[in-house]
N, C-alpha and C. Protein backbone atom coordinates (compact mmCIF):
# COMPACT_ATOMS: atom_id res chain seq x y z
N UNK A 1 73.22 70.40 38.96
CA UNK A 1 73.04 71.21 37.40
C UNK A 1 72.56 69.29 36.32
N UNK A 2 71.64 69.66 35.96
CA UNK A 2 71.77 68.24 34.40
C UNK A 2 71.47 67.80 33.66
N UNK A 3 72.34 66.91 32.66
CA UNK A 3 72.50 67.80 30.60
C UNK A 3 71.47 66.19 30.67
N UNK A 4 70.47 67.11 29.35
CA UNK A 4 69.31 66.11 28.80
C UNK A 4 70.45 65.93 27.61
N UNK A 5 70.23 64.36 26.99
CA UNK A 5 71.00 64.90 25.31
C UNK A 5 70.03 65.00 24.60
N UNK A 6 70.68 66.20 24.31
CA UNK A 6 68.79 66.88 23.55
C UNK A 6 68.69 65.88 21.82
N UNK A 7 69.69 65.18 21.09
CA UNK A 7 69.85 63.96 20.03
C UNK A 7 71.45 63.20 20.12
N UNK A 8 71.28 61.80 19.14
CA UNK A 8 72.63 61.53 19.30
C UNK A 8 73.39 61.33 18.24
N UNK A 9 72.99 63.10 18.18
CA UNK A 9 74.49 63.49 17.46
C UNK A 9 74.89 65.02 17.77
N UNK A 10 74.33 65.95 18.39
CA UNK A 10 75.45 66.80 18.94
C UNK A 10 73.97 67.69 20.28
N UNK A 11 74.58 68.27 21.15
CA UNK A 11 74.21 68.74 21.96
C UNK A 11 72.98 68.75 23.29
N UNK A 12 72.51 69.21 24.03
CA UNK A 12 71.51 69.25 25.91
C UNK A 12 71.24 70.48 26.22
N UNK A 13 70.42 69.97 26.39
CA UNK A 13 69.94 70.51 27.21
C UNK A 13 69.95 70.76 28.35
N UNK A 14 70.38 71.83 29.44
CA UNK A 14 70.53 72.10 30.54
C UNK A 14 69.62 72.38 31.92
N UNK A 15 69.22 71.58 33.04
CA UNK A 15 68.32 71.66 33.76
C UNK A 15 68.49 71.79 34.89
N UNK A 16 67.83 72.27 35.89
CA UNK A 16 68.09 72.48 37.32
C UNK A 16 69.71 74.34 36.79
N UNK A 17 69.24 74.86 36.94
CA UNK A 17 69.78 76.30 36.83
C UNK A 17 69.76 76.80 36.56
N UNK A 18 70.69 77.79 37.90
CA UNK A 18 70.19 79.49 37.37
C UNK A 18 71.98 80.26 37.03
N UNK A 19 71.51 81.52 36.30
CA UNK A 19 73.07 81.50 35.40
C UNK A 19 73.17 82.67 36.01
N UNK A 20 71.91 83.05 37.58
CA UNK A 20 72.95 84.12 37.83
C UNK A 20 72.93 84.38 39.61
N UNK A 21 73.78 83.12 39.63
CA UNK A 21 73.88 81.96 40.81
C UNK A 21 74.67 80.91 40.26
N UNK A 22 75.78 81.67 39.65
CA UNK A 22 77.08 79.87 39.41
C UNK A 22 78.45 79.68 39.81
N UNK A 23 78.44 79.26 40.26
CA UNK A 23 79.77 79.34 40.78
C UNK A 23 81.03 79.07 39.52
N UNK A 24 81.97 78.92 40.33
CA UNK A 24 83.46 78.45 39.30
C UNK A 24 83.96 77.16 38.64
N UNK A 25 82.71 76.11 39.99
CA UNK A 25 82.67 74.99 39.68
C UNK A 25 81.90 75.09 38.36
N UNK A 26 80.41 75.63 39.17
CA UNK A 26 78.90 75.83 37.72
C UNK A 26 79.96 75.70 36.73
N UNK A 27 80.86 76.78 36.69
CA UNK A 27 81.17 77.77 34.96
C UNK A 27 81.78 75.70 34.59
N UNK A 28 82.87 76.16 35.29
CA UNK A 28 83.97 74.72 34.83
C UNK A 28 82.68 73.78 34.26
N UNK A 29 81.64 73.25 34.86
CA UNK A 29 81.03 71.99 34.42
C UNK A 29 79.81 72.64 33.48
N UNK A 30 79.47 73.38 32.62
CA UNK A 30 78.96 74.21 32.33
C UNK A 30 80.45 73.74 30.75
N UNK A 31 81.53 74.24 30.95
CA UNK A 31 82.34 74.53 30.18
C UNK A 31 82.70 72.62 29.23
N UNK A 32 82.87 72.64 30.12
CA UNK A 32 83.22 70.92 30.24
C UNK A 32 81.55 69.94 28.87
N UNK A 33 80.59 70.22 28.89
CA UNK A 33 79.35 69.55 28.44
C UNK A 33 79.44 70.94 27.41
N UNK A 34 79.58 71.57 27.22
CA UNK A 34 79.72 72.10 25.80
C UNK A 34 80.59 71.83 25.41
N UNK A 35 82.18 71.41 25.18
CA UNK A 35 83.15 71.16 24.29
C UNK A 35 82.67 69.14 24.69
N UNK A 36 81.07 68.70 25.17
CA UNK A 36 81.33 67.75 24.80
C UNK A 36 80.31 67.09 24.07
N UNK A 37 78.79 68.59 24.04
CA UNK A 37 77.68 68.01 23.32
C UNK A 37 77.38 69.51 22.10
N UNK A 38 78.94 69.91 22.40
CA UNK A 38 79.25 71.43 21.37
C UNK A 38 77.66 72.41 21.44
N UNK A 39 76.33 71.92 21.98
CA UNK A 39 75.74 72.95 21.78
C UNK A 39 74.95 72.76 23.28
N UNK A 40 74.56 73.87 24.17
CA UNK A 40 74.03 73.62 25.20
C UNK A 40 72.96 74.99 24.84
N UNK A 41 71.24 73.89 25.24
CA UNK A 41 70.71 74.26 25.31
C UNK A 41 69.76 75.06 26.52
N UNK A 42 69.59 76.17 27.07
CA UNK A 42 69.32 77.07 28.88
C UNK A 42 68.43 77.31 28.37
N UNK A 43 67.19 77.17 29.17
CA UNK A 43 65.89 77.63 28.95
C UNK A 43 65.62 78.59 30.32
N UNK A 44 64.66 78.85 29.71
CA UNK A 44 63.79 80.03 31.08
C UNK A 44 64.36 81.38 32.08
N UNK A 45 65.15 81.40 31.95
CA UNK A 45 66.26 82.17 32.61
C UNK A 45 66.21 83.88 31.79
N UNK A 46 66.41 84.53 33.53
CA UNK A 46 66.37 85.34 33.81
C UNK A 46 67.19 86.76 33.80
N UNK A 47 67.56 87.16 32.65
CA UNK A 47 68.53 87.95 32.45
C UNK A 47 68.51 88.96 31.92
N UNK A 48 68.43 90.09 33.24
CA UNK A 48 69.53 91.48 32.48
C UNK A 48 70.29 91.79 31.35
N UNK A 49 70.65 92.91 30.63
CA UNK A 49 71.13 92.76 29.26
C UNK A 49 73.33 92.81 30.13
N UNK A 50 72.61 93.07 31.48
CA UNK A 50 74.52 92.85 32.68
C UNK A 50 74.95 91.73 31.73
N UNK A 51 73.92 91.34 33.46
CA UNK A 51 73.81 89.71 34.15
C UNK A 51 73.89 87.90 32.26
N UNK A 52 73.38 89.05 31.30
CA UNK A 52 73.90 88.29 30.71
C UNK A 52 74.98 88.39 29.88
N UNK A 53 75.38 89.27 29.54
CA UNK A 53 77.52 89.64 29.07
C UNK A 53 77.82 89.01 30.15
N UNK A 54 77.65 89.28 31.59
CA UNK A 54 78.50 88.59 32.51
C UNK A 54 78.49 87.06 32.06
N UNK A 55 77.52 86.31 32.63
CA UNK A 55 77.64 85.41 31.78
C UNK A 55 78.35 84.63 31.27
N UNK A 56 78.49 85.53 29.83
CA UNK A 56 79.29 85.54 28.95
C UNK A 56 79.93 85.71 28.66
N UNK A 57 81.22 86.89 29.81
CA UNK A 57 82.64 86.53 30.10
C UNK A 57 83.43 85.66 31.19
N UNK A 58 82.60 84.74 31.38
CA UNK A 58 82.87 84.04 32.20
C UNK A 58 83.47 82.80 31.53
N UNK A 59 83.23 82.70 29.68
CA UNK A 59 83.41 82.06 28.41
C UNK A 59 85.12 82.07 27.76
N UNK A 60 84.84 83.91 27.71
CA UNK A 60 85.36 83.92 26.64
C UNK A 60 85.49 85.89 26.26
N UNK A 61 86.35 86.53 25.58
CA UNK A 61 85.84 88.37 25.87
C UNK A 61 85.21 88.25 24.86
N UNK A 62 83.71 88.41 24.65
CA UNK A 62 83.07 90.14 23.96
C UNK A 62 83.27 90.45 22.69
N UNK A 63 82.45 89.48 21.52
CA UNK A 63 83.53 90.33 20.24
C UNK A 63 81.74 90.12 19.94
N UNK A 64 83.00 91.82 19.17
CA UNK A 64 80.76 92.49 18.97
C UNK A 64 80.76 92.79 17.72
N UNK A 65 79.90 92.08 17.60
CA UNK A 65 78.98 92.51 15.78
C UNK A 65 79.09 92.89 15.08
N UNK A 66 79.18 93.27 13.86
CA UNK A 66 78.96 94.81 13.33
C UNK A 66 78.13 94.56 12.25
N UNK A 67 76.93 93.28 12.29
CA UNK A 67 76.19 92.89 11.13
C UNK A 67 74.86 93.23 11.84
N UNK A 68 74.83 92.72 13.30
CA UNK A 68 72.80 93.31 13.42
C UNK A 68 73.01 94.19 14.91
N UNK A 69 71.53 94.78 14.87
CA UNK A 69 72.08 96.01 15.56
C UNK A 69 72.14 95.52 17.25
N UNK A 70 72.45 96.61 17.92
CA UNK A 70 72.58 96.05 19.63
C UNK A 70 71.08 95.69 19.85
N UNK A 71 71.56 95.51 21.14
CA UNK A 71 70.13 95.71 22.34
C UNK A 71 71.07 97.78 22.52
N UNK A 72 70.08 98.12 22.63
CA UNK A 72 70.01 99.55 23.47
C UNK A 72 71.42 99.37 24.39
N UNK A 73 72.16 100.27 23.76
CA UNK A 73 73.13 100.36 25.35
C UNK A 73 73.84 99.84 25.51
N UNK A 74 74.00 97.76 24.97
CA UNK A 74 75.09 97.29 25.14
C UNK A 74 75.30 96.13 23.92
N UNK A 75 76.19 97.32 23.17
CA UNK A 75 76.65 97.36 21.78
C UNK A 75 77.32 95.30 21.94
N UNK A 76 77.74 94.06 23.36
CA UNK A 76 78.38 92.86 23.09
C UNK A 76 76.77 91.52 22.49
N UNK A 77 75.83 92.97 22.43
CA UNK A 77 74.06 92.42 22.39
C UNK A 77 73.55 92.57 21.18
N UNK A 78 73.89 91.08 20.66
CA UNK A 78 73.47 91.88 18.91
C UNK A 78 72.05 91.03 19.13
N UNK A 79 71.20 91.45 18.49
CA UNK A 79 69.57 91.04 18.40
C UNK A 79 70.01 90.45 16.80
N UNK A 80 69.61 89.05 16.77
CA UNK A 80 69.67 88.20 15.83
C UNK A 80 67.88 88.90 15.57
N UNK A 81 67.33 88.30 14.40
CA UNK A 81 66.00 88.86 13.84
C UNK A 81 65.60 88.92 13.58
N UNK A 82 64.40 87.87 12.68
CA UNK A 82 63.33 88.44 11.24
C UNK A 82 62.38 89.12 11.51
N UNK A 83 62.42 90.73 11.01
CA UNK A 83 61.34 91.30 11.32
C UNK A 83 59.77 90.98 10.48
N UNK A 84 58.92 91.11 10.06
CA UNK A 84 57.35 90.79 10.07
C UNK A 84 58.03 90.91 8.89
N UNK A 85 58.06 92.33 8.88
CA UNK A 85 58.54 92.44 6.08
C UNK A 85 59.87 91.77 5.36
N UNK A 86 60.51 90.92 5.93
CA UNK A 86 61.57 90.26 5.87
C UNK A 86 61.64 89.11 5.42
N UNK A 87 62.41 88.33 3.53
CA UNK A 87 61.10 87.73 3.28
C UNK A 87 62.86 86.55 2.95
N UNK A 88 64.32 86.85 3.77
CA UNK A 88 64.96 86.42 3.13
C UNK A 88 64.88 85.66 4.94
N UNK A 89 65.43 84.48 5.17
CA UNK A 89 65.70 84.05 5.76
C UNK A 89 67.88 84.14 6.65
N UNK A 90 67.36 84.72 7.58
CA UNK A 90 69.07 84.76 8.08
C UNK A 90 69.60 83.86 8.73
N UNK A 91 71.04 83.46 8.24
CA UNK A 91 71.79 82.25 8.24
C UNK A 91 70.96 81.25 8.22
N UNK A 92 70.37 80.97 7.17
CA UNK A 92 69.52 79.67 6.93
C UNK A 92 70.17 78.06 6.91
N UNK A 93 71.71 79.02 6.53
CA UNK A 93 72.28 77.68 5.79
C UNK A 93 73.86 76.89 7.15
N UNK A 94 73.57 76.55 7.59
CA UNK A 94 74.79 76.15 8.28
C UNK A 94 76.06 76.69 8.19
N UNK A 95 76.22 77.74 9.31
CA UNK A 95 77.94 78.57 9.61
C UNK A 95 78.55 78.87 10.78
N UNK A 96 79.18 79.25 10.84
CA UNK A 96 80.09 79.60 11.60
C UNK A 96 79.90 81.42 12.26
N UNK A 97 79.36 81.11 12.77
CA UNK A 97 80.00 83.08 13.50
C UNK A 97 81.34 83.19 13.65
N UNK A 98 81.54 84.84 13.05
CA UNK A 98 83.15 85.06 13.23
C UNK A 98 84.52 83.99 12.03
N UNK A 99 84.23 83.18 11.51
CA UNK A 99 85.32 81.97 10.81
C UNK A 99 86.14 84.17 10.40
N UNK A 100 86.17 84.46 9.30
CA UNK A 100 86.73 84.90 8.81
C UNK A 100 87.03 86.21 10.07
N UNK A 101 87.50 86.25 11.13
CA UNK A 101 88.40 86.88 11.59
C UNK A 101 89.61 86.36 12.13
N UNK A 102 90.36 87.29 12.33
CA UNK A 102 91.77 86.65 13.19
C UNK A 102 92.36 85.12 14.00
N UNK A 103 91.22 85.31 14.93
CA UNK A 103 91.04 84.13 15.95
C UNK A 103 89.64 85.34 16.48
N UNK A 104 88.74 84.08 15.79
CA UNK A 104 87.83 83.20 15.71
C UNK A 104 86.63 83.22 16.41
N UNK A 105 85.66 84.12 17.09
CA UNK A 105 84.65 83.93 18.54
C UNK A 105 84.28 82.20 18.93
N UNK A 106 84.96 81.88 20.06
CA UNK A 106 84.32 80.74 20.13
C UNK A 106 83.19 79.59 20.35
N UNK A 107 82.49 80.82 20.39
CA UNK A 107 81.23 80.81 20.73
C UNK A 107 80.46 81.76 20.24
N UNK A 108 78.63 81.45 19.91
CA UNK A 108 77.15 82.32 20.16
C UNK A 108 76.07 81.83 21.06
């Protein structure tokens, strides 16, 4: 696993990783990098909804989003997308997800 800084302020691209085949040490390394960089960009993964949830649950429990349509049969995964006919920007400003919760989500 390799990390490439995305910009001078925050964020890193994660290379040479398969989210379907992570050890506990890999998860610790990702968690440490998340704390260091703030945002991790992990591209080109092939995950089923179950695998996606399993990956996320290795870091924290899942908060079910009440504002976006869930993936069929998987309420823990919300689709955040803009439909072709929508003119309003979804989440256009900087914001923090679930900041209104008693215990805000760790990430999204």
